Protein backbone atom coordinates (compact mmCIF):
# COMPACT_ATOMS: atom_id res chain seq x y z
CA MET A 1 106.49 84.69 136.13
CA LEU A 2 110.21 84.36 136.77
CA ARG A 3 111.32 83.73 140.37
CA PHE A 4 114.82 83.49 141.86
CA HIS A 5 114.85 81.26 144.93
CA ASN A 6 118.49 81.75 145.86
CA ILE A 7 120.64 84.78 146.61
CA ALA A 8 123.18 83.60 144.02
CA PHE A 9 121.68 81.78 141.03
CA GLY A 10 122.78 80.42 137.68
CA PRO A 11 124.86 81.04 135.75
CA ILE A 12 122.24 81.51 133.05
CA HIS A 13 122.67 82.63 129.45
CA SER A 14 122.01 86.34 129.10
CA ARG A 15 121.32 87.95 125.73
CA ARG A 16 123.40 90.93 126.80
CA LEU A 17 126.02 89.59 129.24
CA GLY A 18 126.84 86.02 128.21
CA SER A 19 127.18 83.46 131.01
CA SER A 20 125.74 85.45 133.90
CA LEU A 21 125.77 84.50 137.58
CA GLY A 22 122.88 86.37 139.17
CA ILE A 23 122.62 87.98 142.60
CA ASN A 24 119.17 88.65 144.03
CA LEU A 25 119.32 91.26 146.81
CA LEU A 26 115.56 91.35 147.22
CA PRO A 27 112.98 89.08 148.89
CA GLU A 28 113.32 85.45 147.88
CA ASN A 29 109.58 84.93 147.60
CA GLY A 30 108.32 88.07 145.93
CA LYS A 31 109.03 91.19 143.93
CA LEU A 32 110.13 94.47 145.54
CA CYS A 33 110.61 97.42 143.19
CA ASN A 34 109.89 101.12 142.91
CA PHE A 35 108.97 100.52 139.25
CA ASP A 36 106.10 98.30 138.08
CA CYS A 37 107.11 97.89 134.44
CA ILE A 38 104.50 96.55 132.04
CA TYR A 39 107.07 94.10 130.64
CA CYS A 40 108.66 92.89 133.91
CA GLU A 41 109.49 89.18 133.85
CA CYS A 42 108.77 89.07 137.61
CA GLY A 43 105.16 90.21 137.16
CA TRP A 44 103.17 93.02 138.76
CA ASN A 45 104.12 94.39 142.17
CA ARG A 46 100.57 93.70 143.37
CA ASP A 47 101.03 89.99 142.74
CA GLY A 48 103.98 89.76 145.14
CA THR A 49 103.76 87.77 148.35
CA GLY A 50 104.23 90.72 150.67
CA ASP A 51 107.65 89.44 151.68
CA ARG A 52 109.89 92.44 152.45
CA SER A 53 112.88 90.60 153.90
CA MET A 54 116.16 91.22 152.12
CA PRO A 55 119.49 89.41 152.52
CA SER A 56 122.15 91.13 154.59
CA ALA A 57 125.69 91.75 153.43
CA GLY A 58 126.74 88.69 155.44
CA ASP A 59 124.08 86.52 153.78
CA VAL A 60 125.23 87.61 150.34
CA SER A 61 128.91 87.08 151.17
CA GLU A 62 128.27 83.51 152.31
CA ALA A 63 125.99 82.58 149.41
CA LEU A 64 128.12 84.20 146.73
CA GLU A 65 131.40 82.73 147.95
CA ALA A 66 129.86 79.24 148.06
CA LYS A 67 128.51 79.66 144.53
CA LEU A 68 131.71 81.08 143.05
CA SER A 69 133.88 78.49 144.76
CA GLY A 70 131.69 75.68 143.47
CA CYS A 71 131.57 77.02 139.92
CA SER A 72 135.33 77.56 139.89
CA SER A 73 136.07 74.02 141.06
CA GLN A 74 133.78 72.64 138.35
CA GLY A 75 135.28 74.80 135.61
CA VAL A 76 132.00 76.64 134.97
CA ARG A 77 132.36 79.71 132.77
CA ILE A 78 131.16 83.02 134.20
CA ASP A 79 131.32 86.16 132.06
CA SER A 80 129.40 88.43 134.42
CA ILE A 81 128.37 88.51 138.08
CA THR A 82 125.11 90.38 137.76
CA PHE A 83 122.91 92.15 140.29
CA SER A 84 119.37 91.49 139.04
CA GLY A 85 116.65 89.46 140.76
CA HIS A 86 113.18 90.44 142.00
CA GLY A 87 113.28 94.18 141.42
CA GLU A 88 115.63 97.12 141.91
CA PRO A 89 118.87 95.84 143.55
CA THR A 90 119.97 99.20 144.92
CA LEU A 91 116.94 99.23 147.26
CA ASN A 92 118.79 96.78 149.51
CA PRO A 93 120.16 98.97 152.32
CA ASP A 94 123.44 97.01 152.31
CA PHE A 95 124.03 97.55 148.59
CA PRO A 96 127.26 99.59 148.94
CA GLU A 97 128.82 97.04 151.30
CA ILE A 98 127.61 94.17 149.13
CA MET A 99 129.25 95.75 146.09
CA ASP A 100 132.62 95.78 147.90
CA ILE A 101 132.15 92.13 148.90
CA THR A 102 131.24 91.14 145.35
CA VAL A 103 134.24 92.85 143.79
CA SER A 104 136.55 91.18 146.31
CA LEU A 105 135.08 87.71 145.69
CA ARG A 106 135.17 88.26 141.93
CA ASP A 107 138.85 89.14 142.14
CA ARG A 108 139.52 85.96 144.11
CA TYR A 109 137.56 83.43 142.06
CA TYR A 110 136.81 84.90 138.61
CA PRO A 111 139.12 87.86 138.00
CA GLU A 112 138.22 87.97 134.31
CA ALA A 113 134.47 88.27 134.98
CA ALA A 114 132.69 91.62 134.94
CA VAL A 115 130.53 92.87 137.81
CA SER A 116 127.28 94.18 136.34
CA VAL A 117 124.29 95.96 137.86
CA LEU A 118 120.88 96.09 136.18
CA SER A 119 119.26 99.20 137.68
CA ASN A 120 116.38 101.53 136.92
CA ALA A 121 118.68 104.44 137.93
CA THR A 122 116.17 105.86 140.42
CA THR A 123 118.72 105.90 143.25
CA VAL A 124 121.66 107.20 141.24
CA CYS A 125 121.50 110.62 142.90
CA ARG A 126 122.28 109.09 146.30
CA LYS A 127 125.98 109.55 146.95
CA ASP A 128 126.53 106.13 148.54
CA ILE A 129 124.69 104.33 145.72
CA PHE A 130 126.46 106.31 143.01
CA GLU A 131 129.87 105.54 144.50
CA ALA A 132 128.97 101.84 144.73
CA LEU A 133 127.75 101.77 141.13
CA ARG A 134 131.04 103.31 140.03
CA LYS A 135 132.80 100.19 141.32
CA ALA A 136 130.86 97.98 138.91
CA ASP A 137 132.41 97.19 135.53
CA ASN A 138 128.98 97.47 133.93
CA PRO A 139 126.59 99.88 135.64
CA ILE A 140 123.62 99.27 133.33
CA MET A 141 121.09 102.06 133.82
CA LYS A 142 117.55 101.97 132.42
CA ILE A 143 115.72 104.77 130.62
CA ASP A 144 112.78 103.42 128.60
CA ALA A 145 111.06 106.68 127.61
CA SER A 146 112.09 110.26 127.11
CA PHE A 147 109.06 111.98 128.63
CA ALA A 148 107.04 111.70 131.82
CA ASP A 149 103.86 110.33 130.24
CA GLY A 150 105.79 107.52 128.56
CA ILE A 151 107.58 106.60 131.79
CA ALA A 152 104.21 106.55 133.59
CA VAL A 153 102.85 104.08 131.02
CA VAL A 154 105.88 101.78 130.64
CA ASN A 155 107.61 101.90 134.05
CA ARG A 156 104.77 102.96 136.38
CA PRO A 157 107.10 104.42 139.07
CA SER A 158 105.94 104.58 142.67
CA GLY A 159 106.54 107.75 144.60
CA HIS A 160 108.42 110.68 143.14
CA TYR A 161 110.25 110.19 139.85
CA ASP A 162 111.89 112.98 137.89
CA LEU A 163 113.69 112.12 134.66
CA GLY A 164 115.70 115.33 134.94
CA ASP A 165 117.07 114.21 138.30
CA VAL A 166 117.98 110.80 136.86
CA VAL A 167 119.75 112.40 133.91
CA SER A 168 121.65 114.73 136.25
CA GLY A 169 122.77 111.73 138.28
CA LEU A 170 123.84 109.79 135.22
CA LEU A 171 125.89 112.72 133.98
CA GLY A 172 128.12 112.07 136.99
CA PHE A 173 129.38 108.90 135.27
CA LYS A 174 130.88 111.11 132.53
CA GLY A 175 129.89 108.51 129.97
CA ASP A 176 131.35 105.51 131.82
CA PHE A 177 128.12 103.53 132.05
CA VAL A 178 125.75 101.50 129.88
CA LEU A 179 122.33 102.87 128.98
CA GLN A 180 119.64 100.19 128.63
CA THR A 181 116.34 100.73 126.81
CA MET A 182 113.43 98.38 126.14
CA PHE A 183 111.84 98.79 122.70
CA LEU A 184 108.15 97.85 122.63
CA ARG A 185 104.69 98.82 121.47
CA SER A 186 101.57 98.94 123.62
CA PRO A 187 98.15 100.51 123.11
CA ASP A 188 99.41 103.63 124.92
CA PHE A 189 103.11 103.76 124.02
CA ASP A 190 105.37 103.15 121.04
CA THR A 191 109.14 103.43 121.34
CA SER A 192 109.36 104.23 117.62
CA SER A 193 106.98 107.21 117.69
CA ALA A 194 108.73 110.28 116.34
CA ALA A 195 108.42 112.24 119.59
CA ASN A 196 109.71 109.49 121.86
CA LEU A 197 112.46 108.25 119.57
CA GLN A 198 113.86 111.72 118.93
CA GLY A 199 113.67 112.60 122.62
CA TRP A 200 115.41 109.36 123.56
CA MET A 201 118.19 109.94 121.04
CA GLU A 202 118.72 113.43 122.44
CA LEU A 203 119.13 111.88 125.90
CA VAL A 204 121.73 109.49 124.49
CA ARG A 205 123.59 112.39 122.91
CA LYS A 206 123.52 114.32 126.19
CA LEU A 207 124.63 111.39 128.38
CA ARG A 208 127.09 109.90 125.87
CA PRO A 209 127.20 106.44 127.49
CA ARG A 210 130.05 104.15 126.48
CA GLU A 211 127.43 101.66 125.26
CA VAL A 212 123.71 101.61 124.56
CA MET A 213 121.84 98.31 125.05
CA VAL A 214 118.67 98.17 122.98
CA TYR A 215 116.53 95.09 123.47
CA THR A 216 112.92 93.94 123.18
CA LEU A 217 110.46 91.50 124.71
CA ASP A 218 111.74 87.98 125.30
CA ARG A 219 109.71 86.44 128.15
CA GLU A 220 106.13 86.42 129.41
CA THR A 221 104.97 89.90 130.42
CA PRO A 222 102.31 90.98 132.94
CA GLU A 223 100.73 93.35 130.40
CA LYS A 224 99.36 91.20 127.59
CA ASP A 225 98.90 93.67 124.72
CA LEU A 226 102.61 94.28 124.08
CA VAL A 227 104.36 93.91 120.75
CA LYS A 228 108.07 93.26 120.35
CA PHE A 229 110.34 94.84 117.74
CA SER A 230 112.41 92.83 115.32
CA VAL A 231 116.19 93.22 115.27
CA GLU A 232 115.84 94.74 111.79
CA GLU A 233 113.37 97.36 113.06
CA MET A 234 115.56 98.30 116.01
CA THR A 235 118.65 98.46 113.81
CA GLY A 236 116.92 100.93 111.52
CA LEU A 237 115.62 103.05 114.37
CA VAL A 238 119.02 103.47 116.05
CA ARG A 239 120.95 103.94 112.79
CA PRO A 240 121.43 107.70 113.35
CA LEU A 241 123.21 107.03 116.65
CA VAL A 242 125.39 104.32 115.12
CA ASP A 243 126.31 106.67 112.29
CA GLU A 244 127.34 109.24 114.90
CA GLY A 245 129.75 106.73 116.46
CA PHE A 246 127.75 105.44 119.42
CA HIS A 247 128.30 101.79 120.34
CA VAL A 248 124.81 100.25 120.25
CA GLN A 249 124.19 96.61 121.17
CA ILE A 250 120.90 95.30 119.76
CA ARG A 251 119.27 92.16 121.13
CA GLY A 252 116.01 90.64 119.89
């Protein structure tokens, strides 16, 4: 499974973000997440090393400045500085301060690059996290299923998770965010089932994000009985939203 052994890594080519310089705010040697998604490229939570140490704001500042300075001097293209890594980035207690540091360093070294956050949106109702996410150019928030049973199968959240609370938090963006959804089939879940697809489209219509990112399986997954969608299938499934004027990015 994928591992990131530096705080700042890449840039790597991202299907959705172009040349993306990653920031891992979680343990270097293992996954730390409040989701345990069946498709996670970092594997199952249970297979982690037990490492719970996270970089401080100072650690991130030092590592990110060194990386950005080096890339700039070498003429390396960076389209996005992206919070991703070994799990949910907003679980790092210094996330708000780190966001301010990242925006400042971006402005100094790569002012044309976007700051992006790949998040499962579970912490969006926290005022400090929400305000930090608002400073990102691309707050990319995940909703993979439109009902609790589907979320339990696909995302396997730990602790309390209420989709209604997440939706309420996302409404605070007033549409200025990106909604990200994984399309897949498993023995117990199918994104394209009538009930899930219609429920998901109703969520899109309620939240009215500025962009919807629809994508499918691309790397090795911890759950082995998963089936990816083709671009053609996904295009057909989201056609009603496109016809209504939603900006939908589809990546196979």
